[in-house]
Amino acid sequence: MGAERRQADRVYVQLNARWEGVLARCEGHIVDLSATGCFVLTADLVKSKELIRVEIQLPTEGWLYLWGEVVYRIEEMGFALRFTGVSDMEQAMLDLLLEFMREESGSNAVAPALATS
């Protein structure tokens, strides 16, 4: 995959997600998350550079809605998403989610290089 291109530390998570792109509307799981992107385990029905709307189920209650661009995909596994056009409110909610997930896991462990955003 080449050199590490991450801009933000990722944390391991296990969050339900729904996403919608040009080709499909599916469900999956967010397995790592950062302030700039995530990796979604799901059926591989996306194309590189496709814009995706992702809905992340919050651990407490409700959903966080974000837009992103597919950075790359792994056939039959999922795709990496770089968040785009995130409002200040969405970024604040994402930051709170990341803080909560770090505290829940009891560590600041960075996820392996599944996504590059």
C-alpha atoms as a PDB file:
ATOM      1  CA  MET A   1       0.000   0.000   0.000  1.00  0.00           C
ATOM      2  CA  GLY A   2       2.974   2.347   0.140  1.00  0.00           C
ATOM      3  CA  ALA A   3       3.876   5.006   2.640  1.00  0.00           C
ATOM      4  CA  GLU A   4       1.635   5.856   5.551  1.00  0.00           C
ATOM      5  CA  ARG A   5      -0.593   8.792   4.581  1.00  0.00           C
ATOM      6  CA  ARG A   6      -2.775   9.186   7.642  1.00  0.00           C
ATOM      7  CA  GLN A   7      -3.484  12.645   8.951  1.00  0.00           C
ATOM      8  CA  ALA A   8      -5.112  11.544  12.203  1.00  0.00           C
ATOM      9  CA  ASP A   9      -4.821   8.677  14.674  1.00  0.00           C
ATOM     10  CA  ARG A  10      -7.470   6.006  14.321  1.00  0.00           C
ATOM     11  CA  VAL A  11      -9.119   4.006  17.049  1.00  0.00           C
ATOM     12  CA  TYR A  12     -10.535   0.511  16.886  1.00  0.00           C
ATOM     13  CA  VAL A  13     -14.314   0.594  16.983  1.00  0.00           C
ATOM     14  CA  GLN A  14     -17.233  -1.707  16.259  1.00  0.00           C
ATOM     15  CA  LEU A  15     -20.045   0.583  15.184  1.00  0.00           C
ATOM     16  CA  ASN A  16     -23.025  -0.241  13.001  1.00  0.00           C
ATOM     17  CA  ALA A  17     -23.267   1.844   9.872  1.00  0.00           C
ATOM     18  CA  ARG A  18     -25.424   2.390   6.839  1.00  0.00           C
ATOM     19  CA  TRP A  19     -24.105   3.951   3.686  1.00  0.00           C
ATOM     20  CA  GLU A  20     -25.428   5.079   0.348  1.00  0.00           C
ATOM     21  CA  GLY A  21     -23.505   5.650  -2.853  1.00  0.00           C
ATOM     22  CA  VAL A  22     -24.191   5.710  -6.570  1.00  0.00           C
ATOM     23  CA  LEU A  23     -24.371   1.924  -6.958  1.00  0.00           C
ATOM     24  CA  ALA A  24     -25.879   0.722  -3.700  1.00  0.00           C
ATOM     25  CA  ARG A  25     -27.364   1.349  -0.286  1.00  0.00           C
ATOM     26  CA  CYS A  26     -25.965  -1.093   2.259  1.00  0.00           C
ATOM     27  CA  GLU A  27     -25.225  -1.759   5.886  1.00  0.00           C
ATOM     28  CA  GLY A  28     -21.864  -2.533   7.407  1.00  0.00           C
ATOM     29  CA  HIS A  29     -19.589  -1.910  10.365  1.00  0.00           C
ATOM     30  CA  ILE A  30     -17.085   0.842  11.033  1.00  0.00           C
ATOM     31  CA  VAL A  31     -13.965  -0.925  12.332  1.00  0.00           C
ATOM     32  CA  ASP A  32     -11.597   1.993  12.652  1.00  0.00           C
ATOM     33  CA  LEU A  33     -12.343   5.661  12.905  1.00  0.00           C
ATOM     34  CA  SER A  34     -10.492   8.958  13.001  1.00  0.00           C
ATOM     35  CA  ALA A  35     -11.305  12.643  12.757  1.00  0.00           C
ATOM     36  CA  THR A  36     -10.669  12.436   8.999  1.00  0.00           C
ATOM     37  CA  GLY A  37     -12.020   9.051   7.901  1.00  0.00           C
ATOM     38  CA  CYS A  38     -12.939   5.455   8.592  1.00  0.00           C
ATOM     39  CA  PHE A  39     -12.911   1.923   7.236  1.00  0.00           C
ATOM     40  CA  VAL A  40     -16.266   0.274   6.519  1.00  0.00           C
ATOM     41  CA  LEU A  41     -16.602  -3.518   6.479  1.00  0.00           C
ATOM     42  CA  THR A  42     -19.341  -4.216   3.928  1.00  0.00           C
ATOM     43  CA  ALA A  43     -20.171  -5.697   0.550  1.00  0.00           C
ATOM     44  CA  ASP A  44     -17.816  -4.161  -1.992  1.00  0.00           C
ATOM     45  CA  LEU A  45     -20.176  -2.071  -4.108  1.00  0.00           C
ATOM     46  CA  VAL A  46     -18.264   1.195  -4.358  1.00  0.00           C
ATOM     47  CA  LYS A  47     -15.796   2.765  -6.747  1.00  0.00           C
ATOM     48  CA  SER A  48     -12.652   4.723  -5.924  1.00  0.00           C
ATOM     49  CA  LYS A  49     -13.342   8.464  -5.539  1.00  0.00           C
ATOM     50  CA  GLU A  50     -17.101   7.829  -5.221  1.00  0.00           C
ATOM     51  CA  LEU A  51     -18.944  10.148  -2.833  1.00  0.00           C
ATOM     52  CA  ILE A  52     -20.687   8.214  -0.062  1.00  0.00           C
ATOM     53  CA  ARG A  53     -23.143   9.275   2.625  1.00  0.00           C
ATOM     54  CA  VAL A  54     -22.412   7.265   5.753  1.00  0.00           C
ATOM     55  CA  GLU A  55     -24.624   7.001   8.831  1.00  0.00           C
ATOM     56  CA  ILE A  56     -22.770   5.877  11.958  1.00  0.00           C
ATOM     57  CA  GLN A  57     -24.844   4.489  14.820  1.00  0.00           C
ATOM     58  CA  LEU A  58     -23.751   6.140  18.048  1.00  0.00           C
ATOM     59  CA  PRO A  59     -23.055   3.891  21.066  1.00  0.00           C
ATOM     60  CA  THR A  60     -25.552   5.764  23.208  1.00  0.00           C
ATOM     61  CA  GLU A  61     -28.412   6.759  20.940  1.00  0.00           C
ATOM     62  CA  GLY A  62     -28.895   8.244  17.493  1.00  0.00           C
ATOM     63  CA  TRP A  63     -26.850   8.490  14.317  1.00  0.00           C
ATOM     64  CA  LEU A  64     -24.026  10.656  12.996  1.00  0.00           C
ATOM     65  CA  TYR A  65     -24.394  11.511   9.290  1.00  0.00           C
ATOM     66  CA  LEU A  66     -21.265  12.310   7.268  1.00  0.00           C
ATOM     67  CA  TRP A  67     -20.188  12.569   3.642  1.00  0.00           C
ATOM     68  CA  GLY A  68     -16.948  11.117   2.380  1.00  0.00           C
ATOM     69  CA  GLU A  69     -14.945  10.057  -0.623  1.00  0.00           C
ATOM     70  CA  VAL A  70     -13.879   6.455  -1.163  1.00  0.00           C
ATOM     71  CA  VAL A  71     -10.075   6.396  -0.896  1.00  0.00           C
ATOM     72  CA  TYR A  72      -9.734   2.737  -1.847  1.00  0.00           C
ATOM     73  CA  ARG A  73     -11.627  -0.527  -1.642  1.00  0.00           C
ATOM     74  CA  ILE A  74     -10.745  -4.096  -0.812  1.00  0.00           C
ATOM     75  CA  GLU A  75     -12.835  -6.524  -2.813  1.00  0.00           C
ATOM     76  CA  GLU A  76     -15.351  -8.487  -0.721  1.00  0.00           C
ATOM     77  CA  MET A  77     -14.171  -6.694   2.450  1.00  0.00           C
ATOM     78  CA  GLY A  78     -14.995  -3.007   2.425  1.00  0.00           C
ATOM     79  CA  PHE A  79     -13.646   0.450   1.758  1.00  0.00           C
ATOM     80  CA  ALA A  80     -11.732   3.344   3.257  1.00  0.00           C
ATOM     81  CA  LEU A  81     -13.565   6.646   3.401  1.00  0.00           C
ATOM     82  CA  ARG A  82     -12.112  10.152   3.797  1.00  0.00           C
ATOM     83  CA  PHE A  83     -14.667  12.520   5.287  1.00  0.00           C
ATOM     84  CA  THR A  84     -15.410  15.583   3.155  1.00  0.00           C
ATOM     85  CA  GLY A  85     -17.320  18.783   3.790  1.00  0.00           C
ATOM     86  CA  VAL A  86     -17.669  18.143   7.512  1.00  0.00           C
ATOM     87  CA  SER A  87     -19.420  21.027   9.287  1.00  0.00           C
ATOM     88  CA  ASP A  88     -18.183  22.366  12.616  1.00  0.00           C
ATOM     89  CA  MET A  89     -21.115  20.653  14.369  1.00  0.00           C
ATOM     90  CA  GLU A  90     -20.428  17.299  12.684  1.00  0.00           C
ATOM     91  CA  GLN A  91     -16.716  17.571  13.540  1.00  0.00           C
ATOM     92  CA  ALA A  92     -17.570  18.309  17.173  1.00  0.00           C
ATOM     93  CA  MET A  93     -19.858  15.262  17.309  1.00  0.00           C
ATOM     94  CA  LEU A  94     -17.187  13.102  15.643  1.00  0.00           C
ATOM     95  CA  ASP A  95     -14.557  14.314  18.124  1.00  0.00           C
ATOM     96  CA  LEU A  96     -16.867  13.471  21.047  1.00  0.00           C
ATOM     97  CA  LEU A  97     -17.500  10.018  19.575  1.00  0.00           C
ATOM     98  CA  LEU A  98     -13.755   9.405  19.211  1.00  0.00           C
ATOM     99  CA  GLU A  99     -13.118  10.524  22.789  1.00  0.00           C
ATOM    100  CA  PHE A 100     -15.901   8.255  24.059  1.00  0.00           C
ATOM    101  CA  MET A 101     -14.595   5.257  22.088  1.00  0.00           C
ATOM    102  CA  ARG A 102     -11.029   5.795  23.357  1.00  0.00           C
ATOM    103  CA  GLU A 103     -12.286   5.894  26.946  1.00  0.00           C
ATOM    104  CA  GLU A 104     -14.452   2.801  26.423  1.00  0.00           C
ATOM    105  CA  SER A 105     -11.553   0.824  24.989  1.00  0.00           C
ATOM    106  CA  GLY A 106      -9.245   1.985  27.770  1.00  0.00           C
ATOM    107  CA  SER A 107      -6.493   2.794  25.311  1.00  0.00           C
ATOM    108  CA  ASN A 108      -5.431   5.108  22.565  1.00  0.00           C
ATOM    109  CA  ALA A 109      -4.492   2.203  20.318  1.00  0.00           C
ATOM    110  CA  VAL A 110      -4.200   3.127  16.704  1.00  0.00           C
ATOM    111  CA  ALA A 111      -5.861   0.803  14.223  1.00  0.00           C
ATOM    112  CA  PRO A 112      -3.733  -0.924  11.583  1.00  0.00           C
ATOM    113  CA  ALA A 113      -3.267   0.723   8.211  1.00  0.00           C
ATOM    114  CA  LEU A 114      -6.605  -0.181   6.678  1.00  0.00           C
ATOM    115  CA  ALA A 115      -7.429   3.336   5.583  1.00  0.00           C
ATOM    116  CA  THR A 116      -5.443   6.256   4.367  1.00  0.00           C
ATOM    117  CA  SER A 117      -7.054   9.561   5.034  1.00  0.00           C
END
